[in-house]
């Protein structure tokens, strides 16, 4: 399943639509929480900050269409990074 793929008609029901919106909001909040945790981890000697930041970027891009567009256009400016991560973003 690609990032930000439609729910294939699953969210046409009102209750299912609310569940979808809540699940995406929780996913975005969780990704932002992981991103906030990863910033202080950049400064410790153990390499936890960068992988956690990349994971949070992928989760945020999966839950938000606008964030997905912003993240992918920013990463495309750096081809050496984009070539390594484009598979994770469904490209």
N, C-alpha and C. Protein backbone atom coordinates (compact mmCIF):
# COMPACT_ATOMS: atom_id res chain seq x y z
N UNK A 1 0.85 -1.18 0.00
CA UNK A 1 0.00 0.00 0.00
C UNK A 1 0.90 1.25 0.00
N UNK A 2 0.63 2.13 -0.92
CA UNK A 2 1.45 3.34 -1.03
C UNK A 2 1.06 4.34 0.05
N UNK A 3 1.94 5.26 0.27
CA UNK A 3 1.66 6.30 1.26
C UNK A 3 0.50 7.16 0.80
N UNK A 4 -0.35 7.54 1.71
CA UNK A 4 -1.49 8.41 1.45
C UNK A 4 -2.44 7.85 0.41
N UNK A 5 -2.50 6.56 0.29
CA UNK A 5 -3.42 5.94 -0.64
C UNK A 5 -4.83 6.11 -0.12
N UNK A 6 -5.77 6.25 -1.03
CA UNK A 6 -7.15 6.39 -0.58
C UNK A 6 -7.60 5.10 0.10
N UNK A 7 -8.68 5.19 0.82
CA UNK A 7 -9.14 4.05 1.61
C UNK A 7 -10.05 3.12 0.82
N UNK A 8 -10.08 3.27 -0.51
CA UNK A 8 -10.83 2.40 -1.41
C UNK A 8 -12.31 2.30 -1.03
N UNK A 9 -12.90 3.42 -0.71
CA UNK A 9 -14.31 3.45 -0.40
C UNK A 9 -14.64 3.09 1.03
N UNK A 10 -13.65 2.72 1.82
CA UNK A 10 -13.92 2.31 3.19
C UNK A 10 -14.44 3.47 4.03
N UNK A 11 -13.98 4.68 3.74
CA UNK A 11 -14.37 5.81 4.57
C UNK A 11 -15.62 6.51 4.07
N UNK A 12 -16.38 5.89 3.19
CA UNK A 12 -17.64 6.50 2.75
C UNK A 12 -18.70 6.43 3.84
N UNK A 13 -18.62 5.45 4.69
CA UNK A 13 -19.53 5.35 5.82
C UNK A 13 -19.13 6.41 6.84
N UNK A 14 -20.08 7.12 7.45
CA UNK A 14 -19.73 8.22 8.37
C UNK A 14 -18.84 7.79 9.54
N UNK A 15 -19.12 6.66 10.13
CA UNK A 15 -18.33 6.21 11.27
C UNK A 15 -16.92 5.82 10.82
N UNK A 16 -16.82 5.16 9.68
CA UNK A 16 -15.51 4.76 9.16
C UNK A 16 -14.70 5.99 8.78
N UNK A 17 -15.36 7.02 8.28
CA UNK A 17 -14.66 8.26 7.96
C UNK A 17 -14.08 8.92 9.19
N UNK A 18 -14.84 8.90 10.29
CA UNK A 18 -14.35 9.47 11.55
C UNK A 18 -13.17 8.66 12.06
N UNK A 19 -13.26 7.34 11.96
CA UNK A 19 -12.16 6.48 12.40
C UNK A 19 -10.90 6.78 11.57
N UNK A 20 -11.07 6.97 10.27
CA UNK A 20 -9.93 7.28 9.41
C UNK A 20 -9.29 8.60 9.80
N UNK A 21 -10.11 9.62 10.02
CA UNK A 21 -9.58 10.94 10.41
C UNK A 21 -8.85 10.86 11.75
N UNK A 22 -9.42 10.14 12.70
CA UNK A 22 -8.79 10.01 14.01
C UNK A 22 -7.49 9.23 13.91
N UNK A 23 -7.48 8.16 13.12
CA UNK A 23 -6.26 7.36 12.98
C UNK A 23 -5.14 8.17 12.32
N UNK A 24 -5.48 8.97 11.32
CA UNK A 24 -4.45 9.79 10.68
C UNK A 24 -3.96 10.89 11.61
N UNK A 25 -4.85 11.46 12.42
CA UNK A 25 -4.43 12.49 13.38
C UNK A 25 -3.52 11.90 14.44
N UNK A 26 -3.84 10.72 14.92
CA UNK A 26 -2.99 10.06 15.91
C UNK A 26 -1.62 9.73 15.29
N UNK A 27 -1.62 9.26 14.05
CA UNK A 27 -0.35 8.97 13.38
C UNK A 27 0.50 10.20 13.19
N UNK A 28 -0.11 11.31 12.82
CA UNK A 28 0.64 12.56 12.64
C UNK A 28 1.18 13.06 13.97
N UNK A 29 0.37 12.98 15.02
CA UNK A 29 0.83 13.42 16.35
C UNK A 29 1.98 12.54 16.85
N UNK A 30 1.87 11.24 16.61
CA UNK A 30 2.93 10.32 17.01
C UNK A 30 4.23 10.62 16.26
N UNK A 31 4.11 10.90 14.96
CA UNK A 31 5.30 11.22 14.15
C UNK A 31 5.95 12.51 14.64
N UNK A 32 5.16 13.51 14.95
CA UNK A 32 5.72 14.76 15.46
C UNK A 32 6.36 14.57 16.83
N UNK A 33 5.77 13.69 17.66
CA UNK A 33 6.36 13.36 18.95
C UNK A 33 7.72 12.68 18.78
N UNK A 34 7.80 11.72 17.86
CA UNK A 34 9.08 11.05 17.59
C UNK A 34 10.11 12.03 17.04
N UNK A 35 9.65 12.97 16.23
CA UNK A 35 10.56 13.97 15.68
C UNK A 35 11.12 14.86 16.79
N UNK A 36 10.26 15.23 17.74
CA UNK A 36 10.71 16.05 18.86
C UNK A 36 11.70 15.30 19.74
N UNK A 37 11.51 14.01 19.90
CA UNK A 37 12.44 13.20 20.69
C UNK A 37 13.77 13.02 19.96
N UNK A 38 13.72 12.92 18.64
CA UNK A 38 14.95 12.64 17.89
C UNK A 38 15.93 13.81 17.87
N UNK A 39 15.44 15.03 18.01
CA UNK A 39 16.33 16.19 17.95
C UNK A 39 17.35 16.19 19.08
N UNK A 40 16.97 15.99 20.35
CA UNK A 40 18.01 15.92 21.38
C UNK A 40 18.91 14.69 21.26
N UNK A 41 18.40 13.63 20.64
CA UNK A 41 19.20 12.42 20.48
C UNK A 41 20.30 12.58 19.44
N UNK A 42 20.24 13.63 18.62
CA UNK A 42 21.32 13.88 17.68
C UNK A 42 22.63 14.16 18.39
N UNK A 43 22.55 14.71 19.59
CA UNK A 43 23.74 15.21 20.27
C UNK A 43 24.40 14.20 21.21
N UNK A 44 23.83 13.02 21.35
CA UNK A 44 24.48 12.00 22.16
C UNK A 44 25.34 11.13 21.24
N UNK A 45 26.33 10.46 21.78
CA UNK A 45 27.26 9.69 20.94
C UNK A 45 26.61 8.48 20.25
N UNK A 46 25.54 7.94 20.80
CA UNK A 46 24.89 6.79 20.18
C UNK A 46 24.05 7.25 18.99
N UNK A 47 24.06 6.51 17.90
CA UNK A 47 23.36 6.96 16.69
C UNK A 47 21.86 6.62 16.70
N UNK A 48 21.09 7.28 17.54
CA UNK A 48 19.65 7.06 17.59
C UNK A 48 18.86 8.18 16.93
N UNK A 49 19.41 9.36 16.87
CA UNK A 49 18.67 10.53 16.42
C UNK A 49 18.27 10.48 14.96
N UNK A 50 19.21 10.20 14.07
CA UNK A 50 18.94 10.22 12.64
C UNK A 50 17.96 9.12 12.21
N UNK A 51 18.14 7.86 12.62
CA UNK A 51 17.16 6.85 12.22
C UNK A 51 15.75 7.14 12.76
N UNK A 52 15.67 7.65 13.98
CA UNK A 52 14.36 7.98 14.54
C UNK A 52 13.73 9.14 13.77
N UNK A 53 14.52 10.09 13.34
CA UNK A 53 14.01 11.21 12.56
C UNK A 53 13.50 10.74 11.20
N UNK A 54 14.22 9.83 10.55
CA UNK A 54 13.79 9.30 9.25
C UNK A 54 12.50 8.51 9.40
N UNK A 55 12.40 7.70 10.44
CA UNK A 55 11.17 6.95 10.68
C UNK A 55 9.99 7.89 10.92
N UNK A 56 10.22 8.95 11.68
CA UNK A 56 9.13 9.89 11.94
C UNK A 56 8.74 10.64 10.67
N UNK A 57 9.68 10.92 9.78
CA UNK A 57 9.35 11.54 8.49
C UNK A 57 8.46 10.62 7.66
N UNK A 58 8.78 9.35 7.64
CA UNK A 58 7.99 8.39 6.86
C UNK A 58 6.59 8.26 7.43
N UNK A 59 6.46 8.20 8.75
CA UNK A 59 5.14 8.12 9.37
C UNK A 59 4.33 9.38 9.11
N UNK A 60 4.97 10.53 9.22
CA UNK A 60 4.27 11.80 8.96
C UNK A 60 3.84 11.90 7.51
N UNK A 61 4.68 11.47 6.59
CA UNK A 61 4.32 11.51 5.17
C UNK A 61 3.18 10.54 4.85
N UNK A 62 3.11 9.45 5.59
CA UNK A 62 2.05 8.47 5.36
C UNK A 62 0.70 8.96 5.86
N UNK A 63 0.69 9.84 6.83
CA UNK A 63 -0.58 10.27 7.41
C UNK A 63 -1.09 11.59 6.88
N UNK A 64 -0.25 12.38 6.25
CA UNK A 64 -0.66 13.71 5.82
C UNK A 64 -0.25 13.94 4.37
N UNK A 65 -1.21 14.29 3.53
CA UNK A 65 -0.93 14.53 2.12
C UNK A 65 -0.05 15.76 1.95
N UNK A 66 -0.34 16.81 2.67
CA UNK A 66 0.45 18.04 2.56
C UNK A 66 1.88 17.81 3.05
N UNK A 67 2.03 17.07 4.14
CA UNK A 67 3.38 16.77 4.64
C UNK A 67 4.13 15.89 3.65
N UNK A 68 3.43 14.95 3.02
CA UNK A 68 4.06 14.07 2.03
C UNK A 68 4.60 14.89 0.87
N UNK A 69 3.82 15.83 0.39
CA UNK A 69 4.26 16.68 -0.71
C UNK A 69 5.46 17.53 -0.30
N UNK A 70 5.40 18.14 0.87
CA UNK A 70 6.49 18.98 1.35
C UNK A 70 7.77 18.18 1.55
N UNK A 71 7.66 17.02 2.17
CA UNK A 71 8.84 16.20 2.47
C UNK A 71 9.48 15.69 1.18
N UNK A 72 8.67 15.19 0.25
CA UNK A 72 9.24 14.65 -0.98
C UNK A 72 9.86 15.74 -1.86
N UNK A 73 9.23 16.91 -1.94
CA UNK A 73 9.84 17.97 -2.75
C UNK A 73 11.13 18.47 -2.11
N UNK A 74 11.19 18.49 -0.80
CA UNK A 74 12.43 18.90 -0.13
C UNK A 74 13.53 17.86 -0.34
N UNK A 75 13.19 16.60 -0.24
CA UNK A 75 14.19 15.55 -0.43
C UNK A 75 14.66 15.47 -1.87
N UNK A 76 13.81 15.80 -2.82
CA UNK A 76 14.20 15.75 -4.24
C UNK A 76 15.25 16.81 -4.57
N UNK A 77 15.42 17.81 -3.74
CA UNK A 77 16.46 18.81 -3.96
C UNK A 77 17.85 18.25 -3.70
N UNK A 78 17.89 17.14 -2.95
CA UNK A 78 19.15 16.47 -2.64
C UNK A 78 19.11 15.07 -3.24
N UNK A 79 19.54 14.93 -4.50
CA UNK A 79 19.39 13.63 -5.20
C UNK A 79 20.08 12.47 -4.50
N UNK A 80 21.20 12.71 -3.85
CA UNK A 80 21.90 11.60 -3.19
C UNK A 80 21.10 11.07 -2.01
N UNK A 81 20.30 11.91 -1.36
CA UNK A 81 19.42 11.44 -0.27
C UNK A 81 18.15 10.84 -0.86
N UNK A 82 17.60 11.49 -1.87
CA UNK A 82 16.34 11.04 -2.45
C UNK A 82 16.47 9.65 -3.07
N UNK A 83 17.60 9.36 -3.71
CA UNK A 83 17.79 8.04 -4.31
C UNK A 83 17.79 6.93 -3.27
N UNK A 84 18.18 7.25 -2.06
CA UNK A 84 18.19 6.23 -1.00
C UNK A 84 16.83 6.07 -0.33
N UNK A 85 16.02 7.14 -0.30
CA UNK A 85 14.77 7.11 0.45
C UNK A 85 13.51 7.07 -0.40
N UNK A 86 13.62 7.16 -1.71
CA UNK A 86 12.41 7.25 -2.51
C UNK A 86 11.55 5.98 -2.44
N UNK A 87 12.14 4.84 -2.19
CA UNK A 87 11.35 3.63 -2.03
C UNK A 87 10.47 3.65 -0.80
N UNK A 88 10.93 4.31 0.24
CA UNK A 88 10.16 4.40 1.48
C UNK A 88 8.97 5.33 1.34
N UNK A 89 9.04 6.26 0.39
CA UNK A 89 7.97 7.23 0.20
C UNK A 89 7.04 6.85 -0.94
N UNK A 90 7.15 5.63 -1.45
CA UNK A 90 6.23 5.13 -2.46
C UNK A 90 6.47 5.69 -3.84
N UNK A 91 7.67 6.08 -4.14
CA UNK A 91 7.99 6.65 -5.46
C UNK A 91 8.69 5.61 -6.30
